[in-house]
Protein backbone atom coordinates (compact mmCIF):
# COMPACT_ATOMS: atom_id res chain seq x y z
CA UNK A 1 -8.11 41.54 -62.62
CA UNK A 2 -7.98 40.23 -59.09
CA UNK A 3 -6.37 41.84 -56.09
CA UNK A 4 -5.03 39.02 -53.94
CA UNK A 5 -4.69 40.92 -50.67
CA UNK A 6 -6.57 43.61 -48.85
CA UNK A 7 -5.96 47.22 -49.82
CA UNK A 8 -7.00 48.17 -46.32
CA UNK A 9 -4.16 46.02 -44.97
CA UNK A 10 -1.70 47.71 -47.34
CA UNK A 11 -2.99 51.08 -46.16
CA UNK A 12 -1.99 50.18 -42.57
CA UNK A 13 1.63 50.06 -43.72
CA UNK A 14 1.36 53.15 -45.92
CA UNK A 15 1.74 51.31 -49.25
CA UNK A 16 -1.82 51.35 -50.64
CA UNK A 17 -1.16 54.53 -52.64
CA UNK A 18 1.69 52.78 -54.47
CA UNK A 19 -0.62 49.92 -55.40
CA UNK A 20 -3.45 52.19 -56.54
CA UNK A 21 -1.15 54.26 -58.71
CA UNK A 22 -0.18 51.11 -60.58
CA UNK A 23 -3.80 50.12 -61.17
CA UNK A 24 -4.65 53.66 -62.28
CA UNK A 25 -2.05 53.40 -65.04
CA UNK A 26 -3.08 49.86 -65.92
CA UNK A 27 -6.71 50.96 -66.27
CA UNK A 28 -5.74 53.16 -69.23
CA UNK A 29 -5.23 49.91 -71.15
CA UNK A 30 -7.64 47.51 -69.40
CA UNK A 31 -10.92 47.82 -67.52
CA UNK A 32 -9.76 46.95 -64.01
CA UNK A 33 -12.06 45.24 -61.52
CA UNK A 34 -10.74 44.37 -58.05
CA UNK A 35 -12.00 41.45 -55.98
CA UNK A 36 -11.29 42.66 -52.46
CA UNK A 37 -10.85 41.00 -49.06
CA UNK A 38 -12.03 44.06 -47.14
CA UNK A 39 -14.33 47.02 -47.62
CA UNK A 40 -13.05 49.54 -50.19
CA UNK A 41 -10.73 52.28 -48.96
CA UNK A 42 -10.91 55.97 -49.80
CA UNK A 43 -9.36 57.06 -53.08
CA UNK A 44 -10.29 53.92 -55.01
CA UNK A 45 -11.11 54.77 -58.64
CA UNK A 46 -11.88 51.25 -59.81
CA UNK A 47 -14.89 48.98 -59.67
CA UNK A 48 -14.57 46.78 -56.60
CA UNK A 49 -16.37 43.60 -55.61
CA UNK A 50 -16.75 43.83 -51.83
CA UNK A 51 -16.31 40.88 -49.45
CA UNK A 52 -19.22 38.74 -48.28
CA UNK A 53 -17.70 37.98 -44.88
CA UNK A 54 -15.18 39.26 -42.35
CA UNK A 55 -13.34 35.96 -42.71
CA UNK A 56 -10.63 36.12 -45.39
CA UNK A 57 -10.70 32.37 -46.03
CA UNK A 58 -14.45 32.39 -46.64
CA UNK A 59 -14.06 35.35 -48.98
CA UNK A 60 -11.24 33.77 -50.95
CA UNK A 61 -13.24 30.61 -51.66
CA UNK A 62 -16.91 31.58 -51.77
CA UNK A 63 -16.82 35.18 -53.02
CA UNK A 64 -15.50 34.15 -56.47
CA UNK A 65 -18.23 31.51 -56.72
CA UNK A 66 -21.13 33.68 -55.54
CA UNK A 67 -20.15 36.77 -57.54
CA UNK A 68 -18.72 35.12 -60.64
CA UNK A 69 -21.47 36.50 -62.88
CA UNK A 70 -20.25 40.05 -62.14
CA UNK A 71 -16.96 39.19 -63.86
CA UNK A 72 -18.32 37.64 -67.06
CA UNK A 73 -17.12 40.51 -69.22
CA UNK A 74 -13.50 40.23 -68.13
CA UNK A 75 -10.78 39.07 -70.48
CA UNK A 76 -8.21 37.72 -68.03
CA UNK A 77 -7.94 37.10 -64.26
CA UNK A 78 -4.64 38.10 -62.62
CA UNK A 79 -3.72 37.57 -58.98
CA UNK A 80 -1.67 40.09 -57.04
CA UNK A 81 0.39 37.51 -55.15
CA UNK A 82 0.68 33.76 -54.55
CA UNK A 83 -1.05 33.58 -51.18
CA UNK A 84 -4.81 33.79 -51.73
CA UNK A 85 -4.50 33.35 -55.48
CA UNK A 86 -6.78 30.30 -55.40
CA UNK A 87 -9.58 32.92 -55.46
CA UNK A 88 -8.33 34.04 -58.86
CA UNK A 89 -8.08 30.45 -60.05
CA UNK A 90 -11.68 29.69 -58.94
CA UNK A 91 -12.94 32.82 -60.67
CA UNK A 92 -11.08 32.01 -63.88
CA UNK A 93 -12.39 28.43 -64.00
CA UNK A 94 -16.01 29.43 -63.34
CA UNK A 95 -15.89 32.10 -66.06
CA UNK A 96 -13.69 30.05 -68.41
CA UNK A 97 -11.02 32.72 -68.55
CA UNK A 98 -7.24 32.48 -68.48
CA UNK A 99 -5.52 32.75 -65.11
CA UNK A 100 -2.29 34.75 -64.76
CA UNK A 101 -0.51 34.17 -61.45
CA UNK A 102 1.83 36.87 -60.15
CA UNK A 103 4.61 35.72 -57.83
CA UNK A 104 6.18 38.68 -56.07
CA UNK A 105 8.03 36.44 -53.61
CA UNK A 106 8.74 32.75 -53.05
CA UNK A 107 5.79 31.75 -50.90
CA UNK A 108 7.23 28.64 -49.22
CA UNK A 109 10.46 30.44 -48.34
CA UNK A 110 8.47 33.22 -46.70
CA UNK A 111 6.29 30.74 -44.76
CA UNK A 112 9.32 28.86 -43.40
CA UNK A 113 11.09 32.04 -42.32
CA UNK A 114 8.01 33.41 -40.56
CA UNK A 115 7.16 30.05 -38.93
CA UNK A 116 10.51 28.30 -38.27
CA UNK A 117 8.97 25.69 -35.95
CA UNK A 118 6.44 24.23 -38.39
CA UNK A 119 5.91 20.47 -38.17
CA UNK A 120 7.82 18.65 -40.97
CA UNK A 121 4.51 17.29 -42.33
CA UNK A 122 3.12 20.83 -42.64
CA UNK A 123 6.31 21.90 -44.43
CA UNK A 124 5.87 19.10 -46.94
CA UNK A 125 2.22 20.07 -47.50
CA UNK A 126 3.25 23.71 -48.11
CA UNK A 127 5.83 22.65 -50.69
CA UNK A 128 3.46 20.21 -52.38
CA UNK A 129 0.65 22.76 -52.61
CA UNK A 130 3.02 25.39 -53.99
CA UNK A 131 4.39 23.08 -56.68
CA UNK A 132 0.98 21.78 -57.70
CA UNK A 133 -0.77 25.16 -57.72
CA UNK A 134 1.91 26.85 -59.83
CA UNK A 135 0.96 24.39 -62.59
CA UNK A 136 -2.66 25.69 -62.55
CA UNK A 137 -1.70 29.06 -63.99
CA UNK A 138 -1.99 29.74 -67.71
CA UNK A 139 0.67 32.44 -67.44
CA UNK A 140 3.10 33.53 -64.74
CA UNK A 141 4.53 36.92 -63.80
CA UNK A 142 7.66 36.78 -61.64
CA UNK A 143 8.88 39.75 -59.64
CA UNK A 144 12.59 38.95 -60.03
CA UNK A 145 15.06 36.53 -61.60
CA UNK A 146 15.51 34.73 -58.28
CA UNK A 147 11.76 34.05 -58.05
CA UNK A 148 11.62 32.97 -61.70
CA UNK A 149 14.51 30.54 -61.33
CA UNK A 150 12.76 28.86 -58.41
CA UNK A 151 9.26 28.50 -59.87
CA UNK A 152 10.36 27.60 -63.40
CA UNK A 153 11.49 24.26 -61.95
CA UNK A 154 7.82 23.35 -61.55
CA UNK A 155 6.04 25.02 -64.50
CA UNK A 156 6.90 25.59 -68.14
CA UNK A 157 3.85 27.77 -68.85
CA UNK A 158 4.44 31.16 -70.54
CA UNK A 159 6.13 33.50 -68.09
CA UNK A 160 7.82 36.87 -67.83
CA UNK A 161 9.90 38.73 -65.26
CA UNK A 162 8.23 42.03 -64.38
CA UNK A 163 9.49 43.81 -61.26
CA UNK A 164 7.44 46.32 -59.31
CA UNK A 165 7.06 49.71 -60.95
CA UNK A 166 7.65 53.01 -59.15
CA UNK A 167 6.72 56.64 -59.48
CA UNK A 168 10.16 57.91 -60.49
CA UNK A 169 8.80 61.45 -60.76
CA UNK A 170 8.23 61.44 -56.99
CA UNK A 171 10.95 59.04 -55.84
CA UNK A 172 14.08 60.93 -56.87
CA UNK A 173 17.10 62.57 -55.25
CA UNK A 174 16.28 65.96 -53.72
CA UNK A 175 19.51 67.89 -53.09
CA UNK A 176 17.57 70.69 -51.38
CA UNK A 177 16.73 68.39 -48.43
CA UNK A 178 19.58 68.30 -45.84
CA UNK A 179 21.09 64.89 -45.05
CA UNK A 180 20.55 65.03 -41.29
CA UNK A 181 20.71 61.29 -40.48
CA UNK A 182 23.07 58.43 -41.38
CA UNK A 183 20.65 55.54 -41.98
CA UNK A 184 17.00 54.91 -42.73
CA UNK A 185 14.86 51.78 -42.70
CA UNK A 186 11.32 51.66 -44.09
CA UNK A 187 9.10 48.59 -43.94
CA UNK A 188 7.38 46.20 -41.60
CA UNK A 189 8.76 45.75 -38.10
CA UNK A 190 8.55 41.98 -37.85
CA UNK A 191 11.10 39.24 -36.94
CA UNK A 192 11.51 38.29 -40.62
CA UNK A 193 13.14 41.70 -41.19
CA UNK A 194 15.72 41.08 -38.41
CA UNK A 195 15.16 44.50 -36.88
CA UNK A 196 17.20 43.81 -33.75
CA UNK A 197 20.23 42.78 -35.79
CA UNK A 198 19.87 45.97 -37.83
CA UNK A 199 19.84 48.10 -34.67
CA UNK A 200 22.95 46.34 -33.39
CA UNK A 201 24.78 47.01 -36.66
CA UNK A 202 23.90 50.68 -36.72
CA UNK A 203 25.05 51.02 -33.11
CA UNK A 204 24.51 54.06 -30.91
CA UNK A 205 27.00 56.39 -32.59
CA UNK A 206 25.06 56.62 -35.86
CA UNK A 207 21.59 58.09 -36.33
CA UNK A 208 18.70 56.12 -37.80
CA UNK A 209 15.18 56.88 -39.02
CA UNK A 210 12.66 54.03 -38.92
CA UNK A 211 9.34 54.28 -40.73
CA UNK A 212 6.90 51.38 -40.49
CA UNK A 213 4.72 49.36 -38.15
CA UNK A 214 4.68 45.95 -36.56
CA UNK A 215 5.15 44.01 -33.31
CA UNK A 216 8.79 45.14 -32.93
CA UNK A 217 7.94 48.86 -32.90
CA UNK A 218 8.51 49.11 -29.13
CA UNK A 219 12.11 47.89 -29.49
CA UNK A 220 12.75 50.61 -32.08
CA UNK A 221 11.13 53.35 -30.03
CA UNK A 222 13.38 52.65 -27.03
CA UNK A 223 16.62 53.40 -28.91
CA UNK A 224 18.02 56.85 -28.15
CA UNK A 225 19.61 57.30 -31.59
CA UNK A 226 16.48 56.29 -33.52
CA UNK A 227 13.79 58.63 -34.81
CA UNK A 228 10.68 56.45 -35.08
CA UNK A 229 8.05 57.89 -37.42
CA UNK A 230 5.50 55.08 -37.44
CA UNK A 231 3.66 54.55 -40.72
CA UNK A 232 4.52 57.13 -43.37
CA UNK A 233 2.09 57.30 -46.33
CA UNK A 234 3.80 56.38 -49.58
CA UNK A 235 3.41 59.87 -51.16
CA UNK A 236 5.30 61.36 -48.17
CA UNK A 237 8.18 58.86 -48.24
CA UNK A 238 10.46 60.60 -50.80
CA UNK A 239 11.01 63.59 -48.52
CA UNK A 240 11.72 61.30 -45.57
CA UNK A 241 14.09 59.06 -47.54
CA UNK A 242 16.07 62.03 -48.80
CA UNK A 243 17.05 62.91 -45.22
CA UNK A 244 19.37 59.89 -45.05
CA UNK A 245 22.56 58.89 -46.85
CA UNK A 246 22.15 55.12 -46.51
CA UNK A 247 19.24 52.68 -46.63
CA UNK A 248 19.74 49.64 -44.41
CA UNK A 249 17.82 46.36 -44.43
CA UNK A 250 19.06 43.07 -42.99
CA UNK A 251 15.94 41.08 -43.86
CA UNK A 252 16.13 37.28 -43.81
CA UNK A 253 14.28 36.97 -47.11
CA UNK A 254 12.64 39.17 -49.72
CA UNK A 255 10.71 38.76 -52.93
CA UNK A 256 10.89 42.06 -54.74
CA UNK A 257 12.11 44.52 -52.08
CA UNK A 258 9.99 47.57 -52.82
CA UNK A 259 11.24 49.69 -49.91
CA UNK A 260 14.85 49.16 -50.97
CA UNK A 261 14.10 50.14 -54.57
CA UNK A 262 12.28 53.30 -53.46
CA UNK A 263 15.33 54.29 -51.40
CA UNK A 264 17.72 53.65 -54.29
CA UNK A 265 15.54 55.76 -56.59
CA UNK A 266 15.92 58.60 -54.07
CA UNK A 267 19.70 58.36 -54.32
CA UNK A 268 20.44 56.42 -51.12
CA UNK A 269 23.31 53.97 -50.89
CA UNK A 270 22.10 50.41 -50.10
CA UNK A 271 23.53 48.46 -47.17
CA UNK A 272 21.63 45.18 -47.14
CA UNK A 273 21.75 41.53 -46.15
CA UNK A 274 23.36 39.17 -48.64
CA UNK A 275 20.21 37.34 -49.77
CA UNK A 276 19.30 36.56 -53.42
CA UNK A 277 16.80 39.41 -53.90
CA UNK A 278 19.19 42.01 -52.44
CA UNK A 279 22.21 40.61 -54.27
CA UNK A 280 20.48 40.78 -57.65
CA UNK A 281 19.50 44.41 -57.08
CA UNK A 282 22.96 45.48 -55.95
CA UNK A 283 24.50 43.74 -58.97
CA UNK A 284 21.98 45.39 -61.27
CA UNK A 285 22.61 48.80 -59.71
CA UNK A 286 26.38 48.44 -59.78
CA UNK A 287 27.11 49.55 -56.22
CA UNK A 288 26.07 48.79 -52.64
CA UNK A 289 27.21 46.81 -49.62
CA UNK A 290 26.11 43.24 -48.91
CA UNK A 291 26.44 41.93 -45.34
CA UNK A 292 26.74 38.20 -44.67
CA UNK A 293 25.05 36.64 -41.65
CA UNK A 294 26.96 37.73 -38.58
CA UNK A 295 29.02 40.33 -40.46
CA UNK A 296 29.21 43.68 -38.72
CA UNK A 297 28.95 47.01 -40.45
CA UNK A 298 32.22 48.97 -40.45
CA UNK A 299 32.16 52.32 -38.67
CA UNK A 300 33.74 54.09 -41.67
CA UNK A 301 31.04 54.85 -44.24
CA UNK A 302 33.16 57.15 -46.42
CA UNK A 303 33.09 54.66 -49.32
CA UNK A 304 29.27 54.55 -49.44
CA UNK A 305 29.05 56.76 -52.51
CA UNK A 306 26.46 56.47 -55.28
CA UNK A 307 27.23 56.53 -59.01
CA UNK A 308 24.84 59.03 -60.70
CA UNK A 309 25.15 57.43 -64.16
CA UNK A 310 24.37 53.95 -62.87
CA UNK A 311 21.51 55.35 -60.81
CA UNK A 312 19.93 56.98 -63.86
CA UNK A 313 19.99 53.68 -65.78
CA UNK A 314 18.40 51.94 -62.79
CA UNK A 315 15.67 54.59 -62.55
CA UNK A 316 14.68 54.10 -66.20
CA UNK A 317 14.23 50.34 -65.70
CA UNK A 318 11.82 50.75 -62.79
CA UNK A 319 9.60 53.59 -64.00
CA UNK A 320 5.87 52.88 -63.72
CA UNK A 321 5.02 53.42 -67.44
CA UNK A 322 7.74 50.98 -68.47
CA UNK A 323 6.58 48.27 -66.05
CA UNK A 324 2.87 48.70 -66.89
CA UNK A 325 3.67 48.43 -70.59
CA UNK A 326 5.36 45.06 -69.99
CA UNK A 327 2.34 43.71 -68.10
CA UNK A 328 -0.12 44.91 -70.74
CA UNK A 329 1.93 43.19 -73.44
CA UNK A 330 2.12 39.91 -71.50
CA UNK A 331 -1.49 39.72 -70.29
CA UNK A 332 -2.96 40.66 -73.68
CA UNK A 333 -1.99 37.28 -75.10
CA UNK A 334 -4.36 35.56 -72.66
CA UNK A 335 -7.47 37.60 -73.45
CA UNK A 336 -9.98 35.43 -75.29
């Protein structure tokens, strides 16, 4: 196994625990070894290959080459995400193992949203690299149907749609917690998430909790109707989420929106931007409000009511044991 991004970086945003819980369950079926981009964090129960440099690019290229012999007993190499997954590909080629590429978001779409002023030549290089590299994988795991539909244009290798799994025993509705705020947003505070548009939609008459970190934190902190909590560790999120009636996210693009799913699992009503990843989830759930670009949120939220039966079906689909079982079944076919 290969972890394609730093656990330490995930820990900064409070989501490392979610990732580790998944690998803990996966390790009951496979021996899990993580190739890391930073020094190991506390609470790691798996064998980790530490970085050789503070430079992530050097690590992603040379660490797999220099430490390849430490992976000779592995059966399959799986990347965590598209960006940085060339490290997994290098490791798989050196050790003559199969390479499974996980795509939790559409990489080029994310790059173009985060860097809207890229030179046209750079944009073409990004697209070319993405389309060529996707063909290098022996197997592909897609985080959603939207992601699968995009990448299947460029590769016909064996693939499967496996969304993120969640601890449904922790992320669940808690009626004993009072609903003392109207909205909540959890996630990164970056331009891609359109935080300022979200604040405008909520207005000053409604209350909002924001949990997360990023360069737009100061804008959030200055709003009188916002309770800004900073980074909330993933195990503490269920109690925070259950304080709100509605989860709001007006993000410009998403792959597999983990924060939204966690909120839905806790019984919150989704009010989200009308983008493919959000639309698919709302359709799957059977309720929710999609906002087009420029559309304003109505002041009357009386119709934002969840359907308990539909919620229970949704919760079963995203439970960690169910998701891990799907990955074990798919990856097993590539073990030589």
